[in-house]
N, C-alpha and C. Protein backbone atom coordinates (compact mmCIF):
# COMPACT_ATOMS: atom_id res chain seq x y z
N MET A 1 5.44 38.73 -122.91
CA MET A 1 4.63 37.87 -122.07
C MET A 1 4.79 38.32 -120.62
N SER A 2 3.70 38.72 -119.99
CA SER A 2 3.79 39.17 -118.60
C SER A 2 3.61 37.97 -117.69
N GLU A 3 4.32 38.02 -116.58
CA GLU A 3 4.24 36.93 -115.63
C GLU A 3 3.38 37.33 -114.45
N ILE A 4 2.66 36.37 -113.91
CA ILE A 4 1.84 36.60 -112.73
C ILE A 4 2.73 36.37 -111.51
N PRO A 5 2.76 37.33 -110.57
CA PRO A 5 3.54 37.09 -109.35
C PRO A 5 3.08 35.80 -108.68
N ASN A 6 4.05 35.04 -108.16
CA ASN A 6 3.75 33.72 -107.61
C ASN A 6 2.68 33.76 -106.53
N ASN A 7 2.72 34.78 -105.65
CA ASN A 7 1.73 34.82 -104.58
C ASN A 7 0.33 35.05 -105.13
N MET A 8 0.19 35.78 -106.24
CA MET A 8 -1.13 35.99 -106.84
C MET A 8 -1.63 34.69 -107.45
N ALA A 9 -0.75 33.96 -108.11
CA ALA A 9 -1.14 32.68 -108.69
C ALA A 9 -1.56 31.72 -107.59
N ASN A 10 -0.82 31.71 -106.49
CA ASN A 10 -1.16 30.83 -105.38
C ASN A 10 -2.52 31.18 -104.79
N GLU A 11 -2.81 32.47 -104.63
CA GLU A 11 -4.09 32.90 -104.07
C GLU A 11 -5.24 32.47 -104.98
N LYS A 12 -5.07 32.67 -106.28
CA LYS A 12 -6.12 32.27 -107.24
C LYS A 12 -6.30 30.76 -107.23
N THR A 13 -5.19 30.04 -107.27
CA THR A 13 -5.25 28.59 -107.29
C THR A 13 -5.82 28.05 -105.98
N GLU A 14 -5.44 28.66 -104.87
CA GLU A 14 -5.98 28.23 -103.58
C GLU A 14 -7.50 28.43 -103.55
N LYS A 15 -7.96 29.57 -104.04
CA LYS A 15 -9.40 29.84 -104.07
C LYS A 15 -10.11 28.79 -104.92
N GLN A 16 -9.56 28.47 -106.08
CA GLN A 16 -10.17 27.47 -106.95
C GLN A 16 -10.19 26.10 -106.26
N PHE A 17 -9.11 25.76 -105.59
CA PHE A 17 -9.03 24.49 -104.88
C PHE A 17 -10.09 24.41 -103.78
N LEU A 18 -10.18 25.46 -102.96
CA LEU A 18 -11.14 25.46 -101.86
C LEU A 18 -12.57 25.43 -102.37
N GLU A 19 -12.85 26.11 -103.48
CA GLU A 19 -14.18 26.05 -104.07
C GLU A 19 -14.50 24.63 -104.54
N ALA A 20 -13.54 24.00 -105.18
CA ALA A 20 -13.74 22.62 -105.65
C ALA A 20 -13.96 21.68 -104.47
N MET A 21 -13.19 21.85 -103.41
CA MET A 21 -13.34 21.01 -102.22
C MET A 21 -14.72 21.19 -101.60
N SER A 22 -15.22 22.42 -101.60
CA SER A 22 -16.52 22.68 -100.98
C SER A 22 -17.66 22.07 -101.78
N LYS A 23 -17.42 21.77 -103.06
CA LYS A 23 -18.44 21.19 -103.92
C LYS A 23 -18.34 19.67 -104.01
N ALA A 24 -17.34 19.11 -103.37
CA ALA A 24 -17.16 17.65 -103.41
C ALA A 24 -18.37 16.97 -102.79
N SER A 25 -18.78 15.89 -103.38
CA SER A 25 -19.99 15.21 -102.90
C SER A 25 -19.71 14.23 -101.77
N THR A 26 -18.44 13.90 -101.54
CA THR A 26 -18.13 12.92 -100.51
C THR A 26 -17.06 13.45 -99.57
N TYR A 27 -17.42 13.50 -98.31
CA TYR A 27 -16.49 13.77 -97.22
C TYR A 27 -16.79 12.74 -96.15
N TYR A 28 -15.80 12.06 -95.67
CA TYR A 28 -16.10 11.13 -94.58
C TYR A 28 -16.13 11.85 -93.25
N MET A 29 -15.31 12.88 -93.09
CA MET A 29 -15.34 13.76 -91.93
C MET A 29 -14.32 14.86 -92.14
N GLU A 30 -14.51 15.92 -91.44
CA GLU A 30 -13.56 17.03 -91.51
C GLU A 30 -12.39 16.72 -90.59
N ASP A 31 -11.19 16.82 -91.09
CA ASP A 31 -10.00 16.62 -90.30
C ASP A 31 -9.12 17.85 -90.49
N ALA A 32 -9.17 18.73 -89.51
CA ALA A 32 -8.48 20.01 -89.62
C ALA A 32 -6.99 19.86 -89.84
N GLU A 33 -6.37 18.91 -89.15
CA GLU A 33 -4.93 18.73 -89.27
C GLU A 33 -4.54 18.32 -90.69
N ILE A 34 -5.28 17.37 -91.25
CA ILE A 34 -4.99 16.92 -92.62
C ILE A 34 -5.34 18.01 -93.63
N ARG A 35 -6.45 18.69 -93.42
CA ARG A 35 -6.82 19.78 -94.32
C ARG A 35 -5.74 20.88 -94.32
N ASN A 36 -5.19 21.17 -93.14
CA ASN A 36 -4.12 22.17 -93.06
C ASN A 36 -2.90 21.74 -93.86
N VAL A 37 -2.55 20.46 -93.79
CA VAL A 37 -1.42 19.95 -94.58
C VAL A 37 -1.69 20.16 -96.06
N LEU A 38 -2.89 19.79 -96.50
CA LEU A 38 -3.24 19.95 -97.92
C LEU A 38 -3.16 21.42 -98.34
N GLU A 39 -3.72 22.30 -97.53
CA GLU A 39 -3.71 23.72 -97.87
C GLU A 39 -2.30 24.28 -97.89
N GLU A 40 -1.49 23.94 -96.87
CA GLU A 40 -0.10 24.43 -96.82
C GLU A 40 0.69 23.97 -98.03
N GLU A 41 0.60 22.71 -98.34
CA GLU A 41 1.38 22.17 -99.45
C GLU A 41 0.85 22.63 -100.80
N PHE A 42 -0.44 22.81 -100.90
CA PHE A 42 -1.02 23.29 -102.15
C PHE A 42 -0.49 24.68 -102.49
N LEU A 43 -0.24 25.47 -101.48
CA LEU A 43 0.27 26.83 -101.71
C LEU A 43 1.69 26.84 -102.27
N THR A 44 2.39 25.72 -102.20
CA THR A 44 3.75 25.67 -102.74
C THR A 44 3.77 25.37 -104.24
N TYR A 45 2.57 25.11 -104.82
CA TYR A 45 2.50 24.84 -106.26
C TYR A 45 3.01 26.05 -107.01
N GLY A 46 3.92 25.82 -107.89
CA GLY A 46 4.58 26.90 -108.62
C GLY A 46 6.04 26.96 -108.20
N ASP A 47 6.26 26.84 -106.88
CA ASP A 47 7.63 26.73 -106.37
C ASP A 47 8.11 25.29 -106.51
N LYS A 48 7.17 24.36 -106.35
CA LYS A 48 7.46 22.92 -106.51
C LYS A 48 6.52 22.38 -107.58
N ASP A 49 6.94 21.29 -108.21
CA ASP A 49 6.02 20.67 -109.17
C ASP A 49 5.06 19.74 -108.43
N ILE A 50 4.03 19.32 -109.10
CA ILE A 50 2.95 18.56 -108.47
C ILE A 50 3.44 17.24 -107.89
N ASP A 51 4.40 16.58 -108.53
CA ASP A 51 4.92 15.32 -108.01
C ASP A 51 5.62 15.51 -106.67
N GLU A 52 6.37 16.62 -106.54
CA GLU A 52 7.03 16.92 -105.26
C GLU A 52 5.99 17.18 -104.18
N ILE A 53 4.96 17.93 -104.53
CA ILE A 53 3.91 18.27 -103.57
C ILE A 53 3.20 17.01 -103.10
N ILE A 54 2.86 16.13 -104.03
CA ILE A 54 2.19 14.88 -103.67
C ILE A 54 3.05 14.04 -102.74
N ALA A 55 4.34 13.97 -103.01
CA ALA A 55 5.25 13.20 -102.16
C ALA A 55 5.28 13.77 -100.74
N VAL A 56 5.35 15.08 -100.62
CA VAL A 56 5.38 15.72 -99.30
C VAL A 56 4.06 15.51 -98.57
N ILE A 57 2.94 15.67 -99.29
CA ILE A 57 1.63 15.45 -98.68
C ILE A 57 1.52 14.00 -98.18
N ASN A 58 1.89 13.05 -99.01
CA ASN A 58 1.83 11.64 -98.60
C ASN A 58 2.67 11.38 -97.36
N ASP A 59 3.86 11.95 -97.33
CA ASP A 59 4.75 11.76 -96.19
C ASP A 59 4.15 12.37 -94.92
N ARG A 60 3.70 13.61 -95.02
CA ARG A 60 3.17 14.29 -93.83
C ARG A 60 1.90 13.62 -93.31
N ILE A 61 1.01 13.24 -94.21
CA ILE A 61 -0.25 12.62 -93.77
C ILE A 61 0.01 11.22 -93.23
N SER A 62 0.94 10.49 -93.81
CA SER A 62 1.30 9.17 -93.29
C SER A 62 1.80 9.28 -91.85
N LYS A 63 2.60 10.29 -91.57
CA LYS A 63 3.10 10.50 -90.20
C LYS A 63 1.96 10.82 -89.25
N ILE A 64 1.03 11.66 -89.69
CA ILE A 64 -0.12 12.02 -88.84
C ILE A 64 -0.92 10.76 -88.51
N VAL A 65 -1.21 9.95 -89.54
CA VAL A 65 -2.01 8.75 -89.34
C VAL A 65 -1.28 7.76 -88.43
N SER A 66 0.02 7.60 -88.63
CA SER A 66 0.80 6.68 -87.80
C SER A 66 0.80 7.12 -86.33
N GLU A 67 0.89 8.40 -86.09
CA GLU A 67 0.89 8.92 -84.72
C GLU A 67 -0.44 8.70 -84.03
N ARG A 68 -1.49 8.58 -84.78
CA ARG A 68 -2.84 8.39 -84.21
C ARG A 68 -3.14 6.95 -83.86
N LYS A 69 -2.33 6.01 -84.33
CA LYS A 69 -2.59 4.58 -84.07
C LYS A 69 -2.25 4.21 -82.65
């Protein structure tokens, strides 16, 4: 069984994610800071499991939103 290097898997997965995001029918507005958080954390998939990634995303975005109040 051959393994895919992690960076190749991340690149493929990132491309699939960005394609799916571009096809989403609902966006309330583009928020570059939040989008960057999502993209950065999404790239850690494989090194971290999805539950860890979700927890980090929630924490980082909560801090961003709190700072804006």
